[in-house]
PDB file of N, CA and C in Angstrom:
ATOM      1  N   MET A   1     -10.898 -21.406  37.499  1.00  0.00           N
ATOM      2  CA  MET A   1     -10.652 -20.040  37.901  1.00  0.00           C
ATOM      3  C   MET A   1     -11.283 -19.114  36.861  1.00  0.00           C
ATOM      4  N   ARG A   2     -11.898 -18.105  37.313  1.00  0.00           N
ATOM      5  CA  ARG A   2     -12.557 -17.153  36.418  1.00  0.00           C
ATOM      6  C   ARG A   2     -11.542 -16.265  35.716  1.00  0.00           C
ATOM      7  N   MET A   3     -11.939 -15.804  34.534  1.00  0.00           N
ATOM      8  CA  MET A   3     -11.045 -14.997  33.702  1.00  0.00           C
ATOM      9  C   MET A   3     -10.518 -13.777  34.446  1.00  0.00           C
ATOM     10  N   HIS A   4     -11.376 -13.070  35.189  1.00  0.00           N
ATOM     11  CA  HIS A   4     -10.908 -11.859  35.860  1.00  0.00           C
ATOM     12  C   HIS A   4      -9.832 -12.164  36.900  1.00  0.00           C
ATOM     13  N   LYS A   5      -9.934 -13.312  37.548  1.00  0.00           N
ATOM     14  CA  LYS A   5      -8.914 -13.686  38.529  1.00  0.00           C
ATOM     15  C   LYS A   5      -7.597 -14.018  37.837  1.00  0.00           C
ATOM     16  N   ILE A   6      -7.689 -14.749  36.731  1.00  0.00           N
ATOM     17  CA  ILE A   6      -6.487 -15.087  35.967  1.00  0.00           C
ATOM     18  C   ILE A   6      -5.821 -13.805  35.481  1.00  0.00           C
ATOM     19  N   TYR A   7      -6.624 -12.918  34.904  1.00  0.00           N
ATOM     20  CA  TYR A   7      -6.083 -11.663  34.361  1.00  0.00           C
ATOM     21  C   TYR A   7      -5.448 -10.819  35.466  1.00  0.00           C
ATOM     22  N   ASN A   8      -6.158 -10.639  36.556  1.00  0.00           N
ATOM     23  CA  ASN A   8      -5.650  -9.783  37.634  1.00  0.00           C
ATOM     24  C   ASN A   8      -4.419 -10.375  38.312  1.00  0.00           C
ATOM     25  N   ASN A   9      -4.208 -11.690  38.182  1.00  0.00           N
ATOM     26  CA  ASN A   9      -3.012 -12.321  38.758  1.00  0.00           C
ATOM     27  C   ASN A   9      -1.775 -12.192  37.871  1.00  0.00           C
ATOM     28  N   LEU A  10      -1.978 -11.779  36.613  1.00  0.00           N
ATOM     29  CA  LEU A  10      -0.821 -11.559  35.737  1.00  0.00           C
ATOM     30  C   LEU A  10      -0.021 -10.353  36.231  1.00  0.00           C
ATOM     31  N   PRO A  11       1.294 -10.398  36.067  1.00  0.00           N
ATOM     32  CA  PRO A  11       2.100  -9.240  36.473  1.00  0.00           C
ATOM     33  C   PRO A  11       1.682  -7.984  35.705  1.00  0.00           C
ATOM     34  N   SER A  12       1.627  -6.866  36.394  1.00  0.00           N
ATOM     35  CA  SER A  12       1.234  -5.593  35.780  1.00  0.00           C
ATOM     36  C   SER A  12       2.127  -5.245  34.606  1.00  0.00           C
ATOM     37  N   SER A  13       3.408  -5.536  34.722  1.00  0.00           N
ATOM     38  CA  SER A  13       4.346  -5.178  33.652  1.00  0.00           C
ATOM     39  C   SER A  13       4.010  -5.908  32.352  1.00  0.00           C
ATOM     40  N   VAL A  14       3.538  -7.150  32.455  1.00  0.00           N
ATOM     41  CA  VAL A  14       3.166  -7.922  31.264  1.00  0.00           C
ATOM     42  C   VAL A  14       1.976  -7.260  30.583  1.00  0.00           C
ATOM     43  N   LYS A  15       0.984  -6.877  31.362  1.00  0.00           N
ATOM     44  CA  LYS A  15      -0.201  -6.233  30.798  1.00  0.00           C
ATOM     45  C   LYS A  15       0.160  -4.878  30.196  1.00  0.00           C
ATOM     46  N   GLU A  16       0.985  -4.128  30.878  1.00  0.00           N
ATOM     47  CA  GLU A  16       1.396  -2.816  30.372  1.00  0.00           C
ATOM     48  C   GLU A  16       2.190  -2.946  29.079  1.00  0.00           C
ATOM     49  N   ASP A  17       3.025  -3.983  28.982  1.00  0.00           N
ATOM     50  CA  ASP A  17       3.848  -4.183  27.785  1.00  0.00           C
ATOM     51  C   ASP A  17       3.010  -4.369  26.516  1.00  0.00           C
ATOM     52  N   VAL A  18       1.816  -4.933  26.647  1.00  0.00           N
ATOM     53  CA  VAL A  18       0.959  -5.142  25.477  1.00  0.00           C
ATOM     54  C   VAL A  18      -0.146  -4.090  25.387  1.00  0.00           C
ATOM     55  N   GLY A  19      -0.082  -3.094  26.236  1.00  0.00           N
ATOM     56  CA  GLY A  19      -1.049  -2.005  26.184  1.00  0.00           C
ATOM     57  C   GLY A  19      -2.394  -2.319  26.805  1.00  0.00           C
ATOM     58  N   PHE A  20      -2.435  -3.306  27.677  1.00  0.00           N
ATOM     59  CA  PHE A  20      -3.677  -3.657  28.351  1.00  0.00           C
ATOM     60  C   PHE A  20      -3.714  -2.974  29.719  1.00  0.00           C
ATOM     61  N   PRO A  21      -4.906  -2.699  30.228  1.00  0.00           N
ATOM     62  CA  PRO A  21      -5.018  -2.077  31.548  1.00  0.00           C
ATOM     63  C   PRO A  21      -4.608  -3.039  32.664  1.00  0.00           C
ATOM     64  N   ILE A  22      -4.294  -2.471  33.794  1.00  0.00           N
ATOM     65  CA  ILE A  22      -3.868  -3.269  34.947  1.00  0.00           C
ATOM     66  C   ILE A  22      -5.020  -4.129  35.478  1.00  0.00           C
ATOM     67  N   ASN A  23      -6.226  -3.566  35.527  1.00  0.00           N
ATOM     68  CA  ASN A  23      -7.376  -4.237  36.120  1.00  0.00           C
ATOM     69  C   ASN A  23      -8.300  -4.782  35.035  1.00  0.00           C
ATOM     70  N   PHE A  24      -8.815  -5.974  35.254  1.00  0.00           N
ATOM     71  CA  PHE A  24      -9.726  -6.626  34.300  1.00  0.00           C
ATOM     72  C   PHE A  24     -10.936  -5.747  33.985  1.00  0.00           C
ATOM     73  N   MET A  25     -11.462  -5.074  34.975  1.00  0.00           N
ATOM     74  CA  MET A  25     -12.662  -4.262  34.785  1.00  0.00           C
ATOM     75  C   MET A  25     -12.433  -3.092  33.821  1.00  0.00           C
ATOM     76  N   SER A  26     -11.182  -2.748  33.568  1.00  0.00           N
ATOM     77  CA  SER A  26     -10.855  -1.633  32.678  1.00  0.00           C
ATOM     78  C   SER A  26     -10.629  -2.065  31.229  1.00  0.00           C
ATOM     79  N   LEU A  27     -10.725  -3.356  30.954  1.00  0.00           N
ATOM     80  CA  LEU A  27     -10.557  -3.840  29.581  1.00  0.00           C
ATOM     81  C   LEU A  27     -11.679  -3.306  28.695  1.00  0.00           C
ATOM     82  N   THR A  28     -11.343  -3.063  27.435  1.00  0.00           N
ATOM     83  CA  THR A  28     -12.398  -2.753  26.480  1.00  0.00           C
ATOM     84  C   THR A  28     -13.132  -4.053  26.162  1.00  0.00           C
ATOM     85  N   LYS A  29     -14.289  -3.931  25.565  1.00  0.00           N
ATOM     86  CA  LYS A  29     -15.054  -5.133  25.196  1.00  0.00           C
ATOM     87  C   LYS A  29     -14.244  -5.981  24.214  1.00  0.00           C
ATOM     88  N   GLU A  30     -13.539  -5.326  23.283  1.00  0.00           N
ATOM     89  CA  GLU A  30     -12.729  -6.041  22.297  1.00  0.00           C
ATOM     90  C   GLU A  30     -11.590  -6.802  22.972  1.00  0.00           C
ATOM     91  N   GLN A  31     -10.938  -6.178  23.955  1.00  0.00           N
ATOM     92  CA  GLN A  31      -9.852  -6.846  24.677  1.00  0.00           C
ATOM     93  C   GLN A  31     -10.386  -8.045  25.455  1.00  0.00           C
ATOM     94  N   GLU A  32     -11.545  -7.874  26.067  1.00  0.00           N
ATOM     95  CA  GLU A  32     -12.151  -8.965  26.827  1.00  0.00           C
ATOM     96  C   GLU A  32     -12.509 -10.135  25.908  1.00  0.00           C
ATOM     97  N   ILE A  33     -13.082  -9.832  24.735  1.00  0.00           N
ATOM     98  CA  ILE A  33     -13.423 -10.878  23.771  1.00  0.00           C
ATOM     99  C   ILE A  33     -12.154 -11.598  23.315  1.00  0.00           C
ATOM    100  N   PHE A  34     -11.098 -10.838  23.048  1.00  0.00           N
ATOM    101  CA  PHE A  34      -9.826 -11.438  22.650  1.00  0.00           C
ATOM    102  C   PHE A  34      -9.322 -12.405  23.717  1.00  0.00           C
ATOM    103  N   LEU A  35      -9.341 -11.980  24.967  1.00  0.00           N
ATOM    104  CA  LEU A  35      -8.859 -12.848  26.049  1.00  0.00           C
ATOM    105  C   LEU A  35      -9.757 -14.059  26.245  1.00  0.00           C
ATOM    106  N   ASP A  36     -11.074 -13.863  26.130  1.00  0.00           N
ATOM    107  CA  ASP A  36     -12.006 -14.995  26.220  1.00  0.00           C
ATOM    108  C   ASP A  36     -11.674 -16.040  25.164  1.00  0.00           C
ATOM    109  N   ARG A  37     -11.474 -15.573  23.935  1.00  0.00           N
ATOM    110  CA  ARG A  37     -11.184 -16.486  22.818  1.00  0.00           C
ATOM    111  C   ARG A  37      -9.843 -17.178  23.006  1.00  0.00           C
ATOM    112  N   LEU A  38      -8.848 -16.417  23.443  1.00  0.00           N
ATOM    113  CA  LEU A  38      -7.518 -16.974  23.687  1.00  0.00           C
ATOM    114  C   LEU A  38      -7.572 -18.053  24.765  1.00  0.00           C
ATOM    115  N   LEU A  39      -8.255 -17.770  25.852  1.00  0.00           N
ATOM    116  CA  LEU A  39      -8.377 -18.751  26.929  1.00  0.00           C
ATOM    117  C   LEU A  39      -9.164 -19.967  26.470  1.00  0.00           C
ATOM    118  N   PHE A  40     -10.246 -19.758  25.725  1.00  0.00           N
ATOM    119  CA  PHE A  40     -11.050 -20.866  25.222  1.00  0.00           C
ATOM    120  C   PHE A  40     -10.223 -21.785  24.330  1.00  0.00           C
ATOM    121  N   GLU A  41      -9.480 -21.180  23.390  1.00  0.00           N
ATOM    122  CA  GLU A  41      -8.650 -21.978  22.474  1.00  0.00           C
ATOM    123  C   GLU A  41      -7.578 -22.752  23.238  1.00  0.00           C
ATOM    124  N   THR A  42      -6.959 -22.101  24.204  1.00  0.00           N
ATOM    125  CA  THR A  42      -5.915 -22.748  25.002  1.00  0.00           C
ATOM    126  C   THR A  42      -6.482 -23.919  25.787  1.00  0.00           C
ATOM    127  N   LEU A  43      -7.621 -23.703  26.425  1.00  0.00           N
ATOM    128  CA  LEU A  43      -8.231 -24.776  27.212  1.00  0.00           C
ATOM    129  C   LEU A  43      -8.726 -25.911  26.329  1.00  0.00           C
ATOM    130  N   THR A  44      -9.259 -25.576  25.165  1.00  0.00           N
ATOM    131  CA  THR A  44      -9.721 -26.602  24.236  1.00  0.00           C
ATOM    132  C   THR A  44      -8.557 -27.473  23.779  1.00  0.00           C
ATOM    133  N   ASP A  45      -7.436 -26.843  23.421  1.00  0.00           N
ATOM    134  CA  ASP A  45      -6.251 -27.596  23.006  1.00  0.00           C
ATOM    135  C   ASP A  45      -5.729 -28.466  24.147  1.00  0.00           C
ATOM    136  N   THR A  46      -5.674 -27.903  25.349  1.00  0.00           N
ATOM    137  CA  THR A  46      -5.184 -28.646  26.508  1.00  0.00           C
ATOM    138  C   THR A  46      -6.098 -29.818  26.817  1.00  0.00           C
ATOM    139  N   LEU A  47      -7.388 -29.604  26.768  1.00  0.00           N
ATOM    140  CA  LEU A  47      -8.354 -30.678  27.026  1.00  0.00           C
ATOM    141  C   LEU A  47      -8.194 -31.795  26.004  1.00  0.00           C
ATOM    142  N   SER A  48      -7.996 -31.431  24.765  1.00  0.00           N
ATOM    143  CA  SER A  48      -7.807 -32.426  23.707  1.00  0.00           C
ATOM    144  C   SER A  48      -6.549 -33.257  23.969  1.00  0.00           C
ATOM    145  N   GLU A  49      -5.479 -32.605  24.381  1.00  0.00           N
ATOM    146  CA  GLU A  49      -4.230 -33.312  24.681  1.00  0.00           C
ATOM    147  C   GLU A  49      -4.413 -34.249  25.871  1.00  0.00           C
ATOM    148  N   VAL A  50      -5.113 -33.793  26.898  1.00  0.00           N
ATOM    149  CA  VAL A  50      -5.359 -34.631  28.075  1.00  0.00           C
ATOM    150  C   VAL A  50      -6.212 -35.832  27.696  1.00  0.00           C
ATOM    151  N   LYS A  51      -7.222 -35.605  26.882  1.00  0.00           N
ATOM    152  CA  LYS A  51      -8.095 -36.701  26.452  1.00  0.00           C
ATOM    153  C   LYS A  51      -7.297 -37.747  25.678  1.00  0.00           C
ATOM    154  N   THR A  52      -6.409 -37.307  24.800  1.00  0.00           N
ATOM    155  CA  THR A  52      -5.563 -38.231  24.035  1.00  0.00           C
ATOM    156  C   THR A  52      -4.668 -39.031  24.972  1.00  0.00           C
ATOM    157  N   SER A  53      -4.066 -38.362  25.943  1.00  0.00           N
ATOM    158  CA  SER A  53      -3.181 -39.041  26.899  1.00  0.00           C
ATOM    159  C   SER A  53      -3.943 -40.068  27.730  1.00  0.00           C
ATOM    160  N   VAL A  54      -5.133 -39.711  28.162  1.00  0.00           N
ATOM    161  CA  VAL A  54      -5.942 -40.628  28.975  1.00  0.00           C
ATOM    162  C   VAL A  54      -6.324 -41.854  28.152  1.00  0.00           C
ATOM    163  N   ASN A  55      -6.686 -41.633  26.902  1.00  0.00           N
ATOM    164  CA  ASN A  55      -7.046 -42.770  26.038  1.00  0.00           C
ATOM    165  C   ASN A  55      -5.848 -43.686  25.794  1.00  0.00           C
ATOM    166  N   GLN A  56      -4.658 -43.110  25.619  1.00  0.00           N
ATOM    167  CA  GLN A  56      -3.450 -43.925  25.444  1.00  0.00           C
ATOM    168  C   GLN A  56      -3.162 -44.720  26.715  1.00  0.00           C
ATOM    169  N   PHE A  57      -3.319 -44.072  27.854  1.00  0.00           N
ATOM    170  CA  PHE A  57      -3.093 -44.747  29.132  1.00  0.00           C
ATOM    171  C   PHE A  57      -4.096 -45.887  29.313  1.00  0.00           C
ATOM    172  N   LYS A  58      -5.352 -45.638  28.947  1.00  0.00           N
ATOM    173  CA  LYS A  58      -6.392 -46.669  29.030  1.00  0.00           C
ATOM    174  C   LYS A  58      -6.026 -47.867  28.164  1.00  0.00           C
ATOM    175  N   ASP A  59      -5.573 -47.593  26.947  1.00  0.00           N
ATOM    176  CA  ASP A  59      -5.183 -48.673  26.036  1.00  0.00           C
ATOM    177  C   ASP A  59      -4.027 -49.485  26.612  1.00  0.00           C
ATOM    178  N   GLU A  60      -3.057 -48.794  27.202  1.00  0.00           N
ATOM    179  CA  GLU A  60      -1.914 -49.491  27.809  1.00  0.00           C
ATOM    180  C   GLU A  60      -2.373 -50.355  28.975  1.00  0.00           C
ATOM    181  N   LEU A  61      -3.274 -49.831  29.809  1.00  0.00           N
ATOM    182  CA  LEU A  61      -3.777 -50.608  30.940  1.00  0.00           C
ATOM    183  C   LEU A  61      -4.570 -51.824  30.481  1.00  0.00           C
ATOM    184  N   GLU A  62      -5.352 -51.661  29.421  1.00  0.00           N
ATOM    185  CA  GLU A  62      -6.112 -52.796  28.891  1.00  0.00           C
ATOM    186  C   GLU A  62      -5.149 -53.872  28.388  1.00  0.00           C
ATOM    187  N   GLY A  63      -4.039 -53.474  27.766  1.00  0.00           N
ATOM    188  CA  GLY A  63      -3.044 -54.436  27.321  1.00  0.00           C
ATOM    189  C   GLY A  63      -2.404 -55.170  28.486  1.00  0.00           C
ATOM    190  N   ILE A  64      -2.118 -54.452  29.541  1.00  0.00           N
ATOM    191  CA  ILE A  64      -1.515 -55.077  30.729  1.00  0.00           C
ATOM    192  C   ILE A  64      -2.483 -56.061  31.348  1.00  0.00           C
ATOM    193  N   ILE A  65      -3.759 -55.673  31.432  1.00  0.00           N
ATOM    194  CA  ILE A  65      -4.775 -56.563  32.013  1.00  0.00           C
ATOM    195  C   ILE A  65      -4.922 -57.835  31.188  1.00  0.00           C
ATOM    196  N   GLU A  66      -4.881 -57.685  29.876  1.00  0.00           N
ATOM    197  CA  GLU A  66      -4.983 -58.875  29.001  1.00  0.00           C
ATOM    198  C   GLU A  66      -3.788 -59.812  29.222  1.00  0.00           C
ATOM    199  N   ASP A  67      -2.609 -59.244  29.473  1.00  0.00           N
ATOM    200  CA  ASP A  67      -1.409 -60.061  29.692  1.00  0.00           C
ATOM    201  C   ASP A  67      -1.455 -60.802  31.031  1.00  0.00           C
ATOM    202  N   LEU A  68      -2.241 -60.287  31.954  1.00  0.00           N
ATOM    203  CA  LEU A  68      -2.353 -60.948  33.268  1.00  0.00           C
ATOM    204  C   LEU A  68      -3.213 -62.169  33.116  1.00  0.00           C
TER     205      LEU A  68
END
């Protein structure tokens, strides 16, 4: 999902509470950069966690296969 869709789907009250505009197109360049970085960091952390989980699952499956 694109950043503008994610942003525009947030409740207006949440955006207003932090002083951000209601619409993505009204963000300042600094606000947009902040959100880009925040989303990037969040996705990077999530991807890393998923990769770790998949590798653990793979190791467990390899152990089960060896036991068969």
